[in-house]
Amino acid sequence: MADESVIAMANKLAEECLAVQKETGEDRLFMEVGDVLGASSQTLEEAFLTAIRTRMAEQQGRKFLANKLRLHRASTTDVKDV
């Protein structure tokens, strides 16, 4: 397990990277950042990629749930209107 300071750095960098990705539209920017980190610290690279992947997975999970709820509400609205 990585040192707490490494995890804190990785988390901060992950948040910043996701913000830049969103603004620039470069959805694979995190891979480039990971390569830069890996050149000098494999530990930070791994912590960063874990932080990015968990955040991206959370975003996908939230999108999935929002879509499910939207579809459910649309189908129950259609039934009520009949």
C-alpha atoms as a PDB file:
ATOM      1  CA  MET A   1       0.000   0.000   0.000  1.00  0.00           C
ATOM      2  CA  ALA A   2       1.241   3.456  -0.896  1.00  0.00           C
ATOM      3  CA  ASP A   3       2.172   6.093   1.656  1.00  0.00           C
ATOM      4  CA  GLU A   4      -0.675   8.439   2.637  1.00  0.00           C
ATOM      5  CA  SER A   5       1.112  11.411   1.102  1.00  0.00           C
ATOM      6  CA  VAL A   6       1.437   9.568  -2.214  1.00  0.00           C
ATOM      7  CA  ILE A   7      -2.274   8.741  -2.164  1.00  0.00           C
ATOM      8  CA  ALA A   8      -3.123  12.361  -1.348  1.00  0.00           C
ATOM      9  CA  MET A   9      -0.951  13.592  -4.245  1.00  0.00           C
ATOM     10  CA  ALA A  10      -2.494  11.033  -6.596  1.00  0.00           C
ATOM     11  CA  ASN A  11      -6.039  11.998  -5.568  1.00  0.00           C
ATOM     12  CA  LYS A  12      -5.370  15.710  -6.070  1.00  0.00           C
ATOM     13  CA  LEU A  13      -3.722  15.102  -9.420  1.00  0.00           C
ATOM     14  CA  ALA A  14      -6.599  12.841 -10.492  1.00  0.00           C
ATOM     15  CA  GLU A  15      -9.171  15.545  -9.700  1.00  0.00           C
ATOM     16  CA  GLU A  16      -7.130  18.126 -11.622  1.00  0.00           C
ATOM     17  CA  CYS A  17      -6.635  15.788 -14.562  1.00  0.00           C
ATOM     18  CA  LEU A  18     -10.338  14.993 -14.817  1.00  0.00           C
ATOM     19  CA  ALA A  19     -11.125  18.718 -14.784  1.00  0.00           C
ATOM     20  CA  VAL A  20      -8.641  19.340 -17.613  1.00  0.00           C
ATOM     21  CA  GLN A  21     -10.004  16.366 -19.551  1.00  0.00           C
ATOM     22  CA  LYS A  22     -13.518  17.730 -19.250  1.00  0.00           C
ATOM     23  CA  GLU A  23     -12.488  21.211 -20.388  1.00  0.00           C
ATOM     24  CA  THR A  24     -10.291  20.067 -23.278  1.00  0.00           C
ATOM     25  CA  GLY A  25     -12.283  17.021 -24.380  1.00  0.00           C
ATOM     26  CA  GLU A  26      -9.162  14.838 -24.233  1.00  0.00           C
ATOM     27  CA  ASP A  27     -10.703  11.752 -22.658  1.00  0.00           C
ATOM     28  CA  ARG A  28      -7.409   9.811 -22.585  1.00  0.00           C
ATOM     29  CA  LEU A  29      -5.271  12.576 -21.095  1.00  0.00           C
ATOM     30  CA  PHE A  30      -4.945  10.550 -17.906  1.00  0.00           C
ATOM     31  CA  MET A  31      -2.945   7.936 -19.823  1.00  0.00           C
ATOM     32  CA  GLU A  32      -0.422  10.584 -20.885  1.00  0.00           C
ATOM     33  CA  VAL A  33      -0.164  11.881 -17.324  1.00  0.00           C
ATOM     34  CA  GLY A  34       0.311   8.302 -16.129  1.00  0.00           C
ATOM     35  CA  ASP A  35       3.190   7.846 -18.583  1.00  0.00           C
ATOM     36  CA  VAL A  36       4.848  11.046 -17.342  1.00  0.00           C
ATOM     37  CA  LEU A  37       4.481   9.918 -13.725  1.00  0.00           C
ATOM     38  CA  GLY A  38       5.704   6.403 -14.487  1.00  0.00           C
ATOM     39  CA  ALA A  39       8.947   7.761 -15.891  1.00  0.00           C
ATOM     40  CA  SER A  40       9.947   8.926 -12.430  1.00  0.00           C
ATOM     41  CA  SER A  41       7.683   7.177  -9.919  1.00  0.00           C
ATOM     42  CA  GLN A  42       5.884   3.920 -10.552  1.00  0.00           C
ATOM     43  CA  THR A  43       4.298   4.199  -7.114  1.00  0.00           C
ATOM     44  CA  LEU A  44       2.710   7.569  -7.897  1.00  0.00           C
ATOM     45  CA  GLU A  45       1.716   6.365 -11.360  1.00  0.00           C
ATOM     46  CA  GLU A  46      -0.158   3.372  -9.924  1.00  0.00           C
ATOM     47  CA  ALA A  47      -1.853   5.451  -7.228  1.00  0.00           C
ATOM     48  CA  PHE A  48      -2.851   8.071  -9.812  1.00  0.00           C
ATOM     49  CA  LEU A  49      -4.262   5.520 -12.263  1.00  0.00           C
ATOM     50  CA  THR A  50      -6.220   3.871  -9.449  1.00  0.00           C
ATOM     51  CA  ALA A  51      -7.618   7.244  -8.409  1.00  0.00           C
ATOM     52  CA  ILE A  52      -8.572   8.098 -12.011  1.00  0.00           C
ATOM     53  CA  ARG A  53     -10.166   4.720 -12.715  1.00  0.00           C
ATOM     54  CA  THR A  54     -12.246   4.734  -9.548  1.00  0.00           C
ATOM     55  CA  ARG A  55     -13.513   8.245 -10.279  1.00  0.00           C
ATOM     56  CA  MET A  56     -14.277   7.392 -13.897  1.00  0.00           C
ATOM     57  CA  ALA A  57     -16.050   4.211 -12.785  1.00  0.00           C
ATOM     58  CA  GLU A  58     -18.117   6.228 -10.316  1.00  0.00           C
ATOM     59  CA  GLN A  59     -19.082   8.664 -13.085  1.00  0.00           C
ATOM     60  CA  GLN A  60     -20.148   5.790 -15.325  1.00  0.00           C
ATOM     61  CA  GLY A  61     -22.119   4.213 -12.494  1.00  0.00           C
ATOM     62  CA  ARG A  62     -23.930   7.476 -11.820  1.00  0.00           C
ATOM     63  CA  LYS A  63     -24.738   7.925 -15.535  1.00  0.00           C
ATOM     64  CA  PHE A  64     -26.073   4.368 -15.657  1.00  0.00           C
ATOM     65  CA  LEU A  65     -28.309   4.909 -12.617  1.00  0.00           C
ATOM     66  CA  ALA A  66     -29.568   8.262 -13.902  1.00  0.00           C
ATOM     67  CA  ASN A  67     -30.464   6.659 -17.235  1.00  0.00           C
ATOM     68  CA  LYS A  68     -32.232   3.757 -15.515  1.00  0.00           C
ATOM     69  CA  LEU A  69     -34.265   6.177 -13.423  1.00  0.00           C
ATOM     70  CA  ARG A  70     -35.068   8.324 -16.458  1.00  0.00           C
ATOM     71  CA  LEU A  71     -36.299   5.263 -18.379  1.00  0.00           C
ATOM     72  CA  HIS A  72     -38.321   4.061 -15.411  1.00  0.00           C
ATOM     73  CA  ARG A  73     -39.974   7.444 -14.928  1.00  0.00           C
ATOM     74  CA  ALA A  74     -40.713   7.697 -18.632  1.00  0.00           C
ATOM     75  CA  SER A  75     -42.345   4.263 -18.672  1.00  0.00           C
ATOM     76  CA  THR A  76     -44.458   4.930 -15.572  1.00  0.00           C
ATOM     77  CA  THR A  77     -45.504   8.327 -16.967  1.00  0.00           C
ATOM     78  CA  ASP A  78     -46.590   6.650 -20.207  1.00  0.00           C
ATOM     79  CA  VAL A  79     -48.671   4.092 -18.272  1.00  0.00           C
ATOM     80  CA  LYS A  80     -50.336   6.782 -16.149  1.00  0.00           C
ATOM     81  CA  ASP A  81     -51.202   8.838 -19.235  1.00  0.00           C
ATOM     82  CA  VAL A  82     -53.048   5.926 -20.872  1.00  0.00           C
END
